[in-house]
Protein backbone atom coordinates (compact mmCIF):
# COMPACT_ATOMS: atom_id res chain seq x y z
CA MET A 1 30.49 -19.34 -4.94
CA ILE A 2 27.15 -20.91 -5.97
CA GLN A 3 25.56 -21.27 -9.39
CA VAL A 4 22.01 -22.52 -9.88
CA GLU A 5 20.82 -23.41 -13.39
CA LYS A 6 17.25 -24.25 -14.42
CA LEU A 7 16.34 -25.60 -10.99
CA SER A 8 12.89 -27.20 -10.71
CA PHE A 9 11.61 -28.72 -7.50
CA GLY A 10 8.39 -29.22 -5.59
CA PHE A 11 6.40 -31.40 -3.24
CA PRO A 12 3.51 -33.67 -4.24
CA THR A 13 1.07 -30.96 -3.17
CA LYS A 14 2.97 -27.92 -4.42
CA ASP A 15 5.52 -26.92 -7.08
CA LEU A 16 8.07 -24.52 -5.59
CA TYR A 17 10.50 -23.64 -8.40
CA LYS A 18 10.44 -23.97 -12.19
CA ASP A 19 13.60 -23.41 -14.24
CA VAL A 20 15.13 -21.08 -11.63
CA SER A 21 18.66 -19.74 -12.30
CA PHE A 22 20.89 -17.39 -10.30
CA THR A 23 24.46 -16.96 -9.08
CA LEU A 24 25.99 -15.95 -5.78
CA GLU A 25 29.51 -14.57 -6.12
CA ALA A 26 32.30 -14.36 -3.55
CA GLY A 27 32.02 -11.37 -1.24
CA GLN A 28 28.39 -10.53 -2.02
CA HIS A 29 25.95 -9.74 0.76
CA CYS A 30 22.65 -11.05 -0.65
CA ALA A 31 19.10 -10.84 0.68
CA LEU A 32 16.62 -13.59 -0.25
CA ILE A 33 13.11 -12.14 -0.10
CA GLY A 34 9.65 -13.33 -1.08
CA SER A 35 6.09 -13.86 0.11
CA ASN A 36 5.25 -16.22 2.97
CA GLY A 37 5.31 -19.81 1.76
CA SER A 38 7.18 -19.06 -1.47
CA GLY A 39 9.89 -21.59 -0.55
CA LYS A 40 12.77 -19.45 0.75
CA SER A 41 13.75 -21.74 3.64
CA THR A 42 13.48 -24.83 1.42
CA LEU A 43 15.76 -23.21 -1.16
CA VAL A 44 18.28 -22.41 1.56
CA ASP A 45 18.21 -26.02 2.76
CA MET A 46 18.70 -27.25 -0.79
CA LEU A 47 21.82 -25.10 -1.12
CA ILE A 48 23.19 -26.52 2.14
CA ASN A 49 22.09 -30.17 1.85
CA THR A 50 21.99 -30.55 -1.92
CA ASP A 51 22.48 -34.33 -1.89
CA GLN A 52 19.33 -34.86 0.17
CA TYR A 53 17.01 -33.58 -2.59
CA LEU A 54 15.80 -34.95 -5.92
CA TYR A 55 15.45 -32.06 -8.35
CA ASP A 56 15.83 -31.10 -12.00
CA GLY A 57 18.58 -28.68 -13.04
CA LYS A 58 21.95 -27.98 -11.46
CA ILE A 59 23.21 -26.64 -8.12
CA MET A 60 26.96 -26.07 -8.42
CA LYS A 61 29.13 -25.03 -5.47
CA ASP A 62 32.74 -23.92 -5.60
CA GLU A 63 35.06 -26.65 -4.36
CA SER A 64 36.38 -24.35 -1.63
CA CYS A 65 32.87 -23.42 -0.43
CA ARG A 66 32.39 -24.00 3.31
CA ILE A 67 28.90 -23.11 4.49
CA GLY A 68 27.93 -21.77 7.90
CA TYR A 69 24.24 -21.69 8.85
CA ALA A 70 22.02 -20.24 11.58
CA SER A 71 18.32 -21.20 11.48
CA GLN A 72 15.35 -18.92 12.04
CA PHE A 73 14.36 -20.80 15.19
CA SER A 74 16.70 -20.22 18.12
CA VAL A 75 17.02 -23.43 20.13
CA ARG A 76 18.69 -23.33 23.52
CA ASP A 77 21.89 -25.34 23.79
CA LYS A 78 21.43 -28.24 26.21
CA ALA A 79 24.71 -27.63 28.06
CA GLN A 80 23.53 -24.37 29.55
CA GLU A 81 26.20 -24.35 32.28
CA ARG A 82 28.79 -23.26 29.72
CA THR A 83 29.84 -19.62 29.60
CA VAL A 84 29.41 -17.44 26.53
CA TYR A 85 33.16 -17.59 25.92
CA GLU A 86 33.20 -21.40 26.22
CA TYR A 87 30.32 -21.65 23.74
CA LEU A 88 32.09 -19.44 21.18
CA SER A 89 35.49 -21.14 21.58
CA GLU A 90 34.22 -24.74 21.52
CA LYS A 91 34.85 -25.50 17.82
CA PHE A 92 38.34 -24.02 17.94
CA LEU A 93 39.32 -26.15 20.93
CA GLU A 94 37.80 -29.27 19.35
CA ASN A 95 39.89 -28.75 16.22
CA GLN A 96 43.04 -28.19 18.30
CA GLN A 97 42.37 -31.45 20.14
CA ARG A 98 41.97 -33.31 16.84
CA ILE A 99 45.25 -31.86 15.58
CA ALA A 100 47.02 -32.92 18.79
CA ALA A 101 45.56 -36.44 18.50
CA VAL A 102 46.79 -36.77 14.89
CA CYS A 103 50.24 -35.56 15.93
CA ASP A 104 50.32 -38.31 18.57
CA LYS A 105 49.40 -40.87 15.90
CA MET A 106 52.17 -39.65 13.61
CA ALA A 107 54.69 -40.05 16.46
CA ASP A 108 53.89 -43.78 16.44
CA VAL A 109 55.64 -45.24 13.38
CA SER A 110 53.34 -48.27 13.41
CA ASN A 111 50.40 -46.13 12.23
CA ASP A 112 49.51 -45.39 8.58
CA MET A 113 51.64 -42.26 8.12
CA GLU A 114 50.13 -41.27 4.75
CA ALA A 115 46.55 -41.27 6.07
CA ALA A 116 47.61 -39.44 9.24
CA LEU A 117 49.39 -36.75 7.19
CA GLU A 118 46.31 -36.29 5.02
CA THR A 119 44.08 -35.89 8.10
CA TYR A 120 46.60 -33.52 9.66
CA GLN A 121 46.66 -31.32 6.54
CA THR A 122 42.86 -31.20 6.41
CA LEU A 123 42.63 -30.13 10.06
CA MET A 124 45.38 -27.53 9.60
CA ASP A 125 43.55 -26.10 6.57
CA ILE A 126 40.43 -25.71 8.71
CA HIS A 127 42.53 -24.21 11.53
CA GLU A 128 44.06 -21.67 9.16
CA ALA A 129 40.76 -20.84 7.42
CA MET A 130 39.09 -19.90 10.72
CA ASP A 131 42.22 -18.09 12.00
CA GLY A 132 42.60 -20.57 14.85
CA ASP A 133 45.83 -18.99 16.11
CA HIS A 134 43.94 -15.82 17.06
CA TYR A 135 40.55 -17.21 18.07
CA ASP A 136 40.81 -15.78 21.59
CA SER A 137 41.24 -12.17 20.48
CA ASN A 138 38.75 -12.62 17.62
CA ILE A 139 36.05 -13.78 20.06
CA ARG A 140 36.55 -10.77 22.31
CA LYS A 141 36.60 -8.44 19.32
CA GLN A 142 33.31 -9.83 17.97
CA LEU A 143 31.65 -9.59 21.39
CA ASN A 144 32.67 -5.93 21.63
CA VAL A 145 31.46 -5.17 18.08
CA ALA A 146 28.05 -6.59 19.05
CA GLY A 147 28.01 -4.62 22.33
CA MET A 148 28.13 -7.89 24.28
CA GLY A 149 31.62 -7.68 25.78
CA ASP A 150 30.29 -7.86 29.33
CA LEU A 151 28.62 -11.24 28.63
CA GLU A 152 31.87 -13.17 28.15
CA LYS A 153 31.81 -14.92 31.55
CA MET A 154 28.03 -15.29 31.83
CA LYS A 155 26.35 -18.69 31.60
CA LEU A 156 24.19 -19.35 28.53
CA TYR A 157 21.08 -19.74 30.67
CA GLN A 158 21.61 -16.22 32.05
CA ILE A 159 21.38 -14.42 28.71
CA SER A 160 18.25 -13.49 26.77
CA GLY A 161 16.89 -15.31 23.73
CA GLY A 162 17.86 -12.40 21.48
CA GLU A 163 21.41 -12.39 22.84
CA TYR A 164 21.63 -16.15 22.36
CA LYS A 165 20.49 -15.81 18.76
CA LEU A 166 23.24 -13.24 18.13
CA LEU A 167 25.76 -15.63 19.70
CA GLN A 168 24.67 -18.42 17.32
CA ILE A 169 25.33 -16.12 14.37
CA MET A 170 28.59 -14.88 15.90
CA ARG A 171 29.81 -18.46 16.40
CA GLU A 172 29.23 -19.24 12.72
CA MET A 173 31.00 -16.02 11.69
CA LEU A 174 34.03 -16.81 13.86
CA LEU A 175 34.43 -20.13 12.03
CA ALA A 176 34.91 -18.00 8.87
CA PRO A 177 32.89 -20.03 6.33
CA ASN A 178 33.12 -18.95 2.67
CA LEU A 179 29.35 -18.64 2.68
CA LEU A 180 27.26 -17.70 5.71
CA ILE A 181 23.53 -18.42 5.41
CA LEU A 182 21.13 -16.86 7.91
CA ASP A 183 17.40 -17.66 7.94
CA GLU A 184 15.42 -14.73 9.42
CA PRO A 185 18.14 -13.79 11.93
CA ASP A 186 16.25 -10.67 13.00
CA VAL A 187 13.08 -12.35 14.32
CA PHE A 188 12.36 -11.39 17.95
CA LEU A 189 15.48 -9.18 18.26
CA ASP A 190 15.02 -5.96 20.22
CA PHE A 191 16.21 -2.64 18.76
CA GLY A 192 19.66 -2.84 20.34
CA ASN A 193 20.32 -6.42 19.20
CA LEU A 194 19.02 -5.60 15.71
CA ASN A 195 21.60 -2.81 15.47
CA SER A 196 24.30 -5.24 16.66
CA LEU A 197 23.26 -7.78 14.02
CA CYS A 198 23.45 -5.09 11.35
CA GLN A 199 26.99 -4.15 12.37
CA MET A 200 28.10 -7.80 12.54
CA MET A 201 26.78 -8.49 9.05
CA ASN A 202 28.30 -5.35 7.54
CA GLY A 203 31.66 -6.17 9.12
CA TYR A 204 31.71 -9.73 7.77
CA LYS A 205 34.19 -10.14 4.90
CA GLY A 206 32.77 -13.35 3.44
CA THR A 207 29.69 -14.06 1.34
CA ILE A 208 26.32 -13.80 3.08
CA LEU A 209 22.88 -15.05 2.04
CA VAL A 210 20.12 -13.88 4.38
CA VAL A 211 16.40 -14.67 4.36
CA THR A 212 14.72 -11.60 5.85
CA HIS A 213 11.66 -9.36 5.77
CA ASN A 214 13.22 -6.72 8.01
CA ARG A 215 13.16 -3.32 6.32
CA TYR A 216 16.04 -1.96 8.41
CA LEU A 217 18.38 -4.79 7.44
CA LEU A 218 17.24 -4.69 3.81
CA ASN A 219 18.10 -1.01 3.57
CA HIS A 220 21.49 -1.27 5.30
CA CYS A 221 23.17 -4.63 4.71
CA PHE A 222 22.90 -5.91 1.12
CA ASN A 223 24.30 -5.30 -2.35
CA LYS A 224 22.36 -8.06 -4.09
CA ILE A 225 18.71 -9.12 -4.03
CA LEU A 226 17.17 -12.51 -4.90
CA HIS A 227 13.39 -12.25 -5.02
CA LEU A 228 11.56 -15.58 -5.00
CA GLU A 229 7.93 -15.43 -6.07
CA ASN A 230 5.48 -17.71 -7.90
CA GLY A 231 8.16 -20.33 -8.57
CA ASP A 232 10.54 -17.86 -10.21
CA VAL A 233 13.56 -15.85 -9.04
CA GLN A 234 14.28 -12.25 -9.91
CA GLU A 235 18.01 -11.49 -9.57
CA TYR A 236 19.24 -7.93 -8.98
CA ASP A 237 22.73 -6.56 -8.29
CA GLY A 238 22.22 -3.50 -6.10
CA SER A 239 20.53 -2.35 -2.91
CA TYR A 240 16.97 -3.15 -1.87
CA THR A 241 15.82 0.43 -2.52
CA GLN A 242 17.33 0.36 -6.01
CA TYR A 243 15.64 -2.99 -6.62
CA ARG A 244 12.24 -1.68 -5.56
CA CYS A 245 12.63 1.32 -7.89
CA SER A 246 13.74 -0.94 -10.75
CA LEU A 247 10.82 -3.29 -10.17
CA LEU A 248 8.26 -0.51 -10.17
CA LYS A 249 9.71 1.07 -13.32
CA GLU A 250 9.68 -2.31 -15.05
CA LYS A 251 6.08 -2.78 -13.93
CA LEU A 252 5.18 0.59 -15.46
CA LYS A 253 6.92 -0.33 -18.73
CA LEU A 254 5.11 -3.67 -18.91
CA LYS A 255 1.76 -2.07 -18.07
CA LEU A 256 2.15 0.44 -20.92
CA GLN A 257 3.22 -2.31 -23.36
CA ASN A 258 0.33 -4.46 -22.19
CA LEU A 259 -2.14 -1.63 -22.79
CA GLU A 260 -0.85 -1.17 -26.35
CA GLU A 261 -1.18 -4.89 -26.96
CA GLN A 262 -4.70 -4.95 -25.53
CA ASP A 263 -5.68 -2.14 -27.92
CA GLU A 264 -4.28 -4.09 -30.88
CA ILE A 265 -5.99 -7.29 -29.70
CA ALA A 266 -9.29 -5.39 -29.36
CA ARG A 267 -8.96 -3.92 -32.88
CA THR A 268 -8.12 -7.33 -34.34
CA GLN A 269 -11.02 -8.97 -32.47
CA GLU A 270 -13.37 -6.32 -33.81
CA MET A 271 -12.16 -7.01 -37.38
CA VAL A 272 -12.62 -10.79 -36.86
CA ASP A 273 -16.19 -10.17 -35.63
CA ILE A 274 -16.98 -7.97 -38.67
CA LEU A 275 -15.56 -10.51 -41.14
CA ARG A 276 -17.45 -13.37 -39.42
CA LYS A 277 -20.69 -11.40 -39.74
CA ARG A 278 -20.04 -10.79 -43.44
CA ALA A 279 -19.26 -14.46 -43.95
CA THR A 280 -22.67 -15.41 -42.55
CA GLU A 281 -24.42 -12.91 -44.82
CA LYS A 282 -22.63 -13.79 -48.09
CA VAL A 283 -21.02 -17.01 -49.26
CA ASN A 284 -17.61 -15.89 -50.44
CA PRO A 285 -14.40 -17.98 -50.17
CA VAL A 286 -12.25 -14.82 -50.02
CA ILE A 287 -14.10 -13.59 -46.92
CA GLY A 288 -13.72 -17.03 -45.31
CA GLN A 289 -9.98 -16.96 -45.93
CA SER A 290 -9.82 -13.45 -44.46
CA VAL A 291 -11.63 -14.61 -41.33
CA ASN A 292 -9.16 -17.46 -40.86
CA ALA A 293 -6.16 -15.19 -41.45
CA LYS A 294 -7.38 -12.57 -38.97
CA GLN A 295 -8.24 -15.22 -36.39
CA SER A 296 -4.73 -16.65 -36.72
CA GLN A 297 -3.29 -13.15 -36.27
CA LEU A 298 -5.48 -12.68 -33.17
CA ASP A 299 -4.34 -16.00 -31.70
CA ARG A 300 -0.68 -15.03 -32.20
CA LEU A 301 -1.23 -11.64 -30.51
CA ILE A 302 -2.88 -13.27 -27.51
CA ALA A 303 -0.19 -15.96 -27.24
CA ARG A 304 2.75 -13.53 -27.25
CA GLN A 305 1.21 -10.73 -25.21
CA ILE A 306 3.30 -9.27 -22.41
CA LYS A 307 2.95 -11.24 -19.20
CA ALA A 308 1.71 -9.59 -16.05
CA PRO A 309 4.48 -7.75 -14.16
CA PHE A 310 6.76 -10.04 -12.17
CA ILE A 311 5.37 -9.02 -8.80
CA GLU A 312 1.90 -7.81 -8.01
CA MET A 313 1.20 -6.89 -4.41
CA ARG A 314 0.11 -10.01 -2.50
CA GLU A 315 -1.39 -8.26 0.48
CA PRO A 316 -3.71 -10.28 2.76
CA GLU A 317 -7.20 -8.89 3.36
CA ILE A 318 -7.11 -8.73 7.16
CA ALA A 319 -10.25 -7.51 8.92
CA LEU A 320 -10.20 -8.12 12.68
CA PRO A 321 -13.47 -8.82 14.60
CA ALA A 322 -16.07 -6.07 14.43
CA VAL A 323 -16.72 -5.08 18.05
CA LEU A 324 -18.05 -1.97 19.73
CA PRO A 325 -15.98 -0.07 22.32
CA GLU A 326 -17.41 -0.13 25.82
CA GLY A 327 -16.57 3.30 27.20
CA GLU A 328 -14.37 3.45 30.29
CA LYS A 329 -14.74 -0.20 31.19
CA THR A 330 -11.56 -1.77 32.58
CA ILE A 331 -10.73 -4.85 30.53
CA LEU A 332 -7.45 -5.86 32.17
CA SER A 333 -5.69 -4.75 35.35
CA LEU A 334 -2.39 -5.67 37.02
CA THR A 335 -1.83 -4.72 40.65
CA ASP A 336 1.59 -5.12 42.28
CA TYR A 337 2.48 -7.89 39.84
CA LYS A 338 5.77 -9.61 40.59
CA VAL A 339 7.53 -12.55 38.98
CA ILE A 340 10.96 -14.18 38.87
CA PHE A 341 12.12 -15.53 35.51
CA ASP A 342 15.55 -16.75 34.40
CA LYS A 343 16.90 -15.51 37.76
CA SER A 344 15.75 -11.96 36.96
CA LEU A 345 12.96 -10.04 38.63
CA LEU A 346 9.96 -8.09 37.41
CA GLU A 347 8.16 -6.28 40.22
CA ASN A 348 5.87 -3.38 41.16
CA VAL A 349 3.98 -3.71 37.88
CA ASN A 350 0.72 -1.76 37.90
CA PHE A 351 -1.42 -0.78 34.92
CA GLN A 352 -4.98 -0.84 33.61
CA LEU A 353 -6.16 -1.43 30.06
CA LEU A 354 -9.48 0.21 29.22
CA ALA A 355 -11.93 -0.93 26.56
CA GLY A 356 -10.83 0.21 23.10
CA GLU A 357 -7.24 0.98 24.14
CA LYS A 358 -4.22 -0.41 22.31
CA ALA A 359 -1.07 -0.83 24.38
CA ALA A 360 2.32 -2.23 23.36
CA ILE A 361 4.69 -3.88 25.83
CA VAL A 362 8.21 -3.01 24.71
CA GLY A 363 11.55 -3.92 26.25
CA ALA A 364 14.91 -5.54 25.68
CA ASN A 365 15.20 -9.28 25.10
CA GLY A 366 15.01 -11.22 28.36
CA THR A 367 13.12 -8.65 30.44
CA GLY A 368 10.06 -10.86 31.06
CA LYS A 369 7.56 -9.71 28.44
CA THR A 370 6.53 -13.19 27.28
CA THR A 371 6.44 -14.44 30.88
CA LEU A 372 4.02 -11.62 31.68
CA ILE A 373 1.84 -12.40 28.64
CA ASN A 374 1.68 -16.09 29.61
CA ASP A 375 0.59 -15.18 33.15
CA ILE A 376 -2.14 -12.92 31.74
CA LEU A 377 -3.39 -15.72 29.47
CA GLU A 378 -3.46 -18.26 32.30
CA ASN A 379 -5.45 -15.68 34.30
CA ASN A 380 -4.87 -17.35 37.66
CA HIS A 381 -2.30 -14.95 39.10
CA PRO A 382 -3.60 -13.05 42.15
CA SER A 383 -2.27 -9.75 40.75
CA ILE A 384 -3.97 -10.11 37.34
CA HIS A 385 -7.64 -9.55 36.61
CA ILE A 386 -9.41 -9.85 33.25
CA ASP A 387 -13.02 -8.68 33.04
CA GLU A 388 -15.09 -11.87 33.24
CA ASP A 389 -17.46 -10.78 30.46
CA THR A 390 -14.65 -10.02 28.00
CA ARG A 391 -13.92 -12.50 25.20
CA TYR A 392 -10.22 -12.68 24.43
CA ILE A 393 -7.90 -14.55 22.10
CA CYS A 394 -4.13 -14.84 21.76
CA LEU A 395 -1.54 -14.96 18.99
CA SER A 396 1.65 -16.74 20.08
CA GLN A 397 5.16 -16.20 18.72
CA LEU A 398 5.98 -19.85 19.44
CA GLN A 399 5.44 -22.52 16.79
CA GLY A 400 2.76 -25.09 17.66
CA VAL A 401 1.34 -23.33 20.75
CA ASN A 402 -2.01 -22.19 19.32
CA ILE A 403 -2.01 -24.57 16.37
CA ASP A 404 -1.87 -28.36 16.60
CA GLU A 405 0.88 -29.08 14.08
CA ALA A 406 -0.18 -32.73 13.80
CA LYS A 407 -3.55 -31.69 12.32
CA THR A 408 -4.23 -30.59 8.76
CA VAL A 409 -5.04 -26.96 8.02
CA TYR A 410 -8.61 -28.08 7.35
CA GLU A 411 -8.87 -29.68 10.80
CA VAL A 412 -7.29 -26.66 12.51
CA MET A 413 -9.77 -24.29 10.89
CA GLN A 414 -12.66 -26.65 11.55
CA ASP A 415 -11.75 -26.49 15.24
CA ALA A 416 -11.80 -22.68 14.95
CA GLY A 417 -15.41 -22.68 13.71
CA PHE A 418 -15.15 -22.86 9.90
CA ASP A 419 -17.79 -25.34 8.75
CA THR A 420 -17.11 -26.08 5.06
CA ARG A 421 -14.11 -26.70 2.82
CA GLU A 422 -15.34 -23.90 0.56
CA SER A 423 -15.33 -21.35 3.38
CA ILE A 424 -11.83 -22.47 4.43
CA LYS A 425 -10.50 -22.22 0.87
CA ALA A 426 -12.02 -18.76 0.52
CA CYS A 427 -10.35 -17.71 3.76
CA LEU A 428 -6.96 -19.11 2.68
CA LYS A 429 -7.18 -17.17 -0.58
CA LYS A 430 -8.05 -13.99 1.30
CA TYR A 431 -4.88 -14.41 3.38
CA CYS A 432 -2.69 -15.13 0.32
CA LEU A 433 -2.35 -18.76 1.35
CA ALA A 434 -2.52 -21.39 -1.39
CA GLU A 435 -5.78 -23.35 -1.45
CA ASP A 436 -3.87 -26.63 -1.68
CA LEU A 437 -2.54 -26.03 1.84
CA ILE A 438 -5.92 -27.15 3.13
CA ASP A 439 -4.89 -30.81 3.35
CA GLN A 440 -1.32 -30.22 4.52
CA LYS A 441 -0.22 -30.74 8.11
CA ALA A 442 -0.01 -27.42 9.97
CA GLY A 443 3.52 -28.37 11.02
CA GLN A 444 4.57 -28.29 7.35
CA LEU A 445 3.71 -24.60 7.00
CA SER A 446 6.38 -21.93 7.11
CA GLY A 447 6.62 -19.62 10.12
CA GLY A 448 4.90 -16.85 8.18
CA GLU A 449 2.11 -19.13 6.97
CA GLN A 450 1.45 -20.32 10.53
CA ASN A 451 1.24 -16.70 11.69
CA LEU A 452 -1.20 -15.84 8.90
CA LEU A 453 -3.29 -18.87 9.88
CA GLN A 454 -3.39 -17.65 13.49
CA ILE A 455 -4.43 -14.18 12.30
CA ALA A 456 -7.19 -15.68 10.11
CA ILE A 457 -8.55 -17.58 13.13
CA ILE A 458 -8.44 -14.44 15.28
CA ALA A 459 -10.23 -12.45 12.57
CA ALA A 460 -13.01 -15.05 12.43
CA SER A 461 -13.57 -14.88 16.20
CA ASP A 462 -15.71 -12.46 18.20
CA ALA A 463 -12.85 -11.46 20.52
CA GLU A 464 -13.02 -8.10 22.26
CA LEU A 465 -9.45 -8.33 23.59
CA LEU A 466 -6.51 -9.36 21.42
CA ILE A 467 -3.33 -10.47 23.18
CA LEU A 468 -0.59 -10.54 20.54
CA ASP A 469 2.95 -11.80 21.16
CA GLU A 470 5.24 -10.61 18.33
CA PRO A 471 2.40 -10.68 15.75
CA THR A 472 4.53 -9.57 12.76
CA SER A 473 7.25 -12.21 13.28
CA HIS A 474 8.00 -14.21 10.09
CA LEU A 475 5.45 -12.16 8.07
CA ASP A 476 6.53 -10.74 4.72
CA ILE A 477 6.51 -6.96 4.30
CA TYR A 478 3.06 -6.76 2.67
CA ALA A 479 1.50 -8.93 5.38
CA GLN A 480 3.15 -6.75 8.05
CA ILE A 481 1.62 -3.63 6.51
CA ALA A 482 -1.83 -5.29 6.20
CA LEU A 483 -1.78 -6.39 9.85
CA GLU A 484 -0.65 -2.95 10.98
CA ARG A 485 -3.60 -1.37 9.18
CA ALA A 486 -6.04 -3.96 10.56
CA ILE A 487 -4.91 -3.38 14.17
CA ALA A 488 -5.18 0.39 13.71
CA GLU A 489 -8.78 -0.02 12.48
CA TYR A 490 -9.81 -2.58 15.13
CA ARG A 491 -12.23 -1.04 17.64
CA GLY A 492 -11.63 -3.55 20.40
CA THR A 493 -8.81 -3.71 22.95
CA VAL A 494 -5.24 -4.78 22.12
CA LEU A 495 -2.29 -5.74 24.30
CA MET A 496 0.72 -6.65 22.21
CA VAL A 497 4.39 -7.44 22.70
CA SER A 498 6.45 -6.31 19.73
CA HIS A 499 9.90 -5.23 18.56
CA ASP A 500 8.40 -3.99 15.29
CA PHE A 501 8.94 -0.24 15.51
CA TYR A 502 6.34 0.61 12.86
CA LEU A 503 3.64 -1.55 14.41
CA VAL A 504 4.17 0.03 17.82
CA ALA A 505 4.58 3.60 16.57
CA ASN A 506 1.56 3.48 14.26
CA CYS A 507 -0.92 1.37 16.28
CA ALA A 508 -0.31 1.79 20.02
CA ASP A 509 -2.13 4.46 22.00
CA TYR A 510 0.70 4.19 24.51
CA VAL A 511 3.72 2.03 25.33
CA LEU A 512 4.32 -0.05 28.46
CA LEU A 513 8.11 0.11 28.67
CA VAL A 514 9.87 -2.73 30.52
CA GLU A 515 12.91 -1.15 32.16
CA ASP A 516 14.77 -1.39 35.47
CA ASN A 517 12.79 -4.51 36.50
CA THR A 518 9.41 -2.84 36.23
CA ILE A 519 6.98 -1.36 33.68
CA ARG A 520 6.21 2.30 33.16
CA ARG A 521 3.66 3.88 30.86
CA MET A 522 4.98 6.12 28.09
CA GLN A 523 3.31 8.20 25.40
CA THR A 524 3.87 6.82 21.91
CA ARG A 525 5.38 10.14 20.81
CA LYS A 526 8.00 9.96 23.57
CA PHE A 527 8.67 6.32 22.71
CA ARG A 528 9.41 7.27 19.09
CA LYS A 529 11.85 9.94 20.24
CA MET A 530 13.53 7.50 22.64
CA VAL A 531 14.05 4.99 19.81
CA TYR A 532 15.47 7.72 17.58
CA ASP A 533 17.91 8.79 20.30
CA ARG A 534 18.98 5.32 21.46
CA TYR A 535 19.08 3.13 18.42
CA PHE A 536 18.40 4.57 15.01
CA ASP A 537 19.12 7.60 12.93
CA GLN A 538 16.01 9.79 12.87
CA LYS A 539 16.68 10.71 9.24
CA TYR A 540 16.63 7.03 8.26
CA LEU A 541 13.27 6.38 9.92
CA GLU A 542 11.72 9.49 8.39
CA THR A 543 13.14 8.56 4.98
CA ASP A 544 11.83 5.02 5.23
CA LYS A 545 8.37 6.26 6.18
CA LYS A 546 8.43 8.56 3.15
CA LYS A 547 9.38 5.60 0.93
CA GLN A 548 6.46 3.57 2.27
CA GLU A 549 4.06 6.42 1.56
CA LEU A 550 5.43 6.81 -1.98
CA GLU A 551 5.07 3.08 -2.68
CA ALA A 552 1.48 3.16 -1.40
CA ASP A 553 0.78 6.17 -3.68
CA ILE A 554 2.33 4.29 -6.62
CA THR A 555 0.12 1.26 -5.93
CA ARG A 556 -2.99 3.45 -5.89
CA ALA A 557 -1.90 5.19 -9.11
CA PHE A 558 -1.45 1.80 -10.81
CA LYS A 559 -4.95 0.76 -9.73
CA ARG A 560 -6.50 3.84 -11.36
CA ASN A 561 -4.20 3.52 -14.44
CA ASP A 562 -2.72 6.96 -13.81
CA PHE A 563 0.65 6.14 -15.38
CA ALA A 564 1.86 9.72 -15.50
CA ALA A 565 1.53 9.82 -11.71
CA VAL A 566 3.29 6.44 -11.44
CA GLU A 567 6.25 7.75 -13.45
CA ARG A 568 6.47 10.94 -11.38
CA LEU A 569 6.24 9.05 -8.06
CA CYS A 570 8.85 6.49 -9.19
CA ARG A 571 11.28 9.34 -9.81
CA GLN A 572 10.59 10.68 -6.32
CA LEU A 573 11.14 7.21 -4.83
CA GLU A 574 14.44 6.83 -6.69
CA GLU A 575 15.61 10.18 -5.30
CA THR A 576 14.74 9.07 -1.76
CA SER A 577 17.79 7.11 -0.64
CA PRO A 578 18.06 5.45 2.78
CA ALA A 579 20.35 6.90 5.43
CA GLN A 580 23.59 4.95 5.83
CA LEU A 581 25.04 3.59 9.04
């Protein structure tokens, strides 16, 4: 379907790829993974809009390749009065109208018949490729597969953002492209919609390339992995779990080879030092020649030594503000809160957040969570009270809300209190952000890089209350884990909105569940059980948690050079397979 050979490309401030090669074959379901800012979205755009880029190497697409694409940022359609069915059927009806118009032209003998026939054949090929004769039944079938059959007659403005995002993907699938490219399709989806997305992807017969950091999708939807890191691509035919095991075993092999090489380099260096010492003590041409020969041997050993393993963990060092808990002090309270949003109602909301507590607001897409968070931040609603002595800060899920995208990263961080370029560069490095980003416009950063920048600013503040709206969105897996640990260790107060099961289950003292137009408090333990029962297989979640623990143990074993433990743990990880749908 697509073949990339020795692709090199970059921007004036950053090289993205150097001699990258990979293939994507018909029928494969491929995940494109990599650290924040590694260039995944740019690579996707290059595959779609190849002619718009100047690059070295080759990007070859099959002549029959028709690409469908859904971006990571869900943008509301302007014609919101249309129904869901009208939105999904629009392209089919447009093509039918074009076919009818061409037929009318062909009925007029004065028109160019050859050109009209050529246009007619092209439109009929498209009609056949997307099964235009059965579009009506196909739309209803897809809606039912996604659990959205009851939305058919609803207006677009009446559905949630998560549902709209699924519809965008569904519309591309219905057009039956040879290659469907999805850029972070899971971001902001609730548990139910994530399950629907998983089923839609697994049921799709064509080729799929998906940029994602979502562990659930990675474990359930793909038979090929492309891992983009440090300007290179690692290509693997198999599941994500198999890839992780393969990568860790290769890392172990390279570590052992590297140790052997380092021993040989050390022995050769010692011999060079001895011969040099002798040469200074006695003038002897033979010793001089021996020094030169050994030095040449040492140079060759150093030049050809095994490179560092392909991927080392790039985990940000996140340490949230150091604050002291204030006993039973009430930080935030809502009393009989009520709001109307998107023609829905949230009412009778009452809760208190005490100093040091961590609460997660959880609910389906479109139930008013972000509306509630915005009202809390504005702090002028009669039902909302924030302690006047409490310093608070917010992380927003929306691009450009907390960060002025027209400013450079340097200017953004200056505004946040960083006083020197050196301190900003040190901070960027700590958060696994390239130092050369300092002079880039904030709007040029990826979604994950912008989130890391927000987190860095929060960490540098003295906030006692963190209000976090989907804080793990767009973050790569290692950054997600680092943030989860930082929130768990933070001694201040946290109110967060999240669909990230692990973040909620591992960090929240309790859950504020949005359900039936109100909010009720729930113990985290009961929340976990509810998620098991409603959405996921309990065995899968337990297995995935075990895999995370094993990978963390392997990382620690690598750090202490306990390679016997690494080998044993890798075997255990390989034996731990994810539950299937």
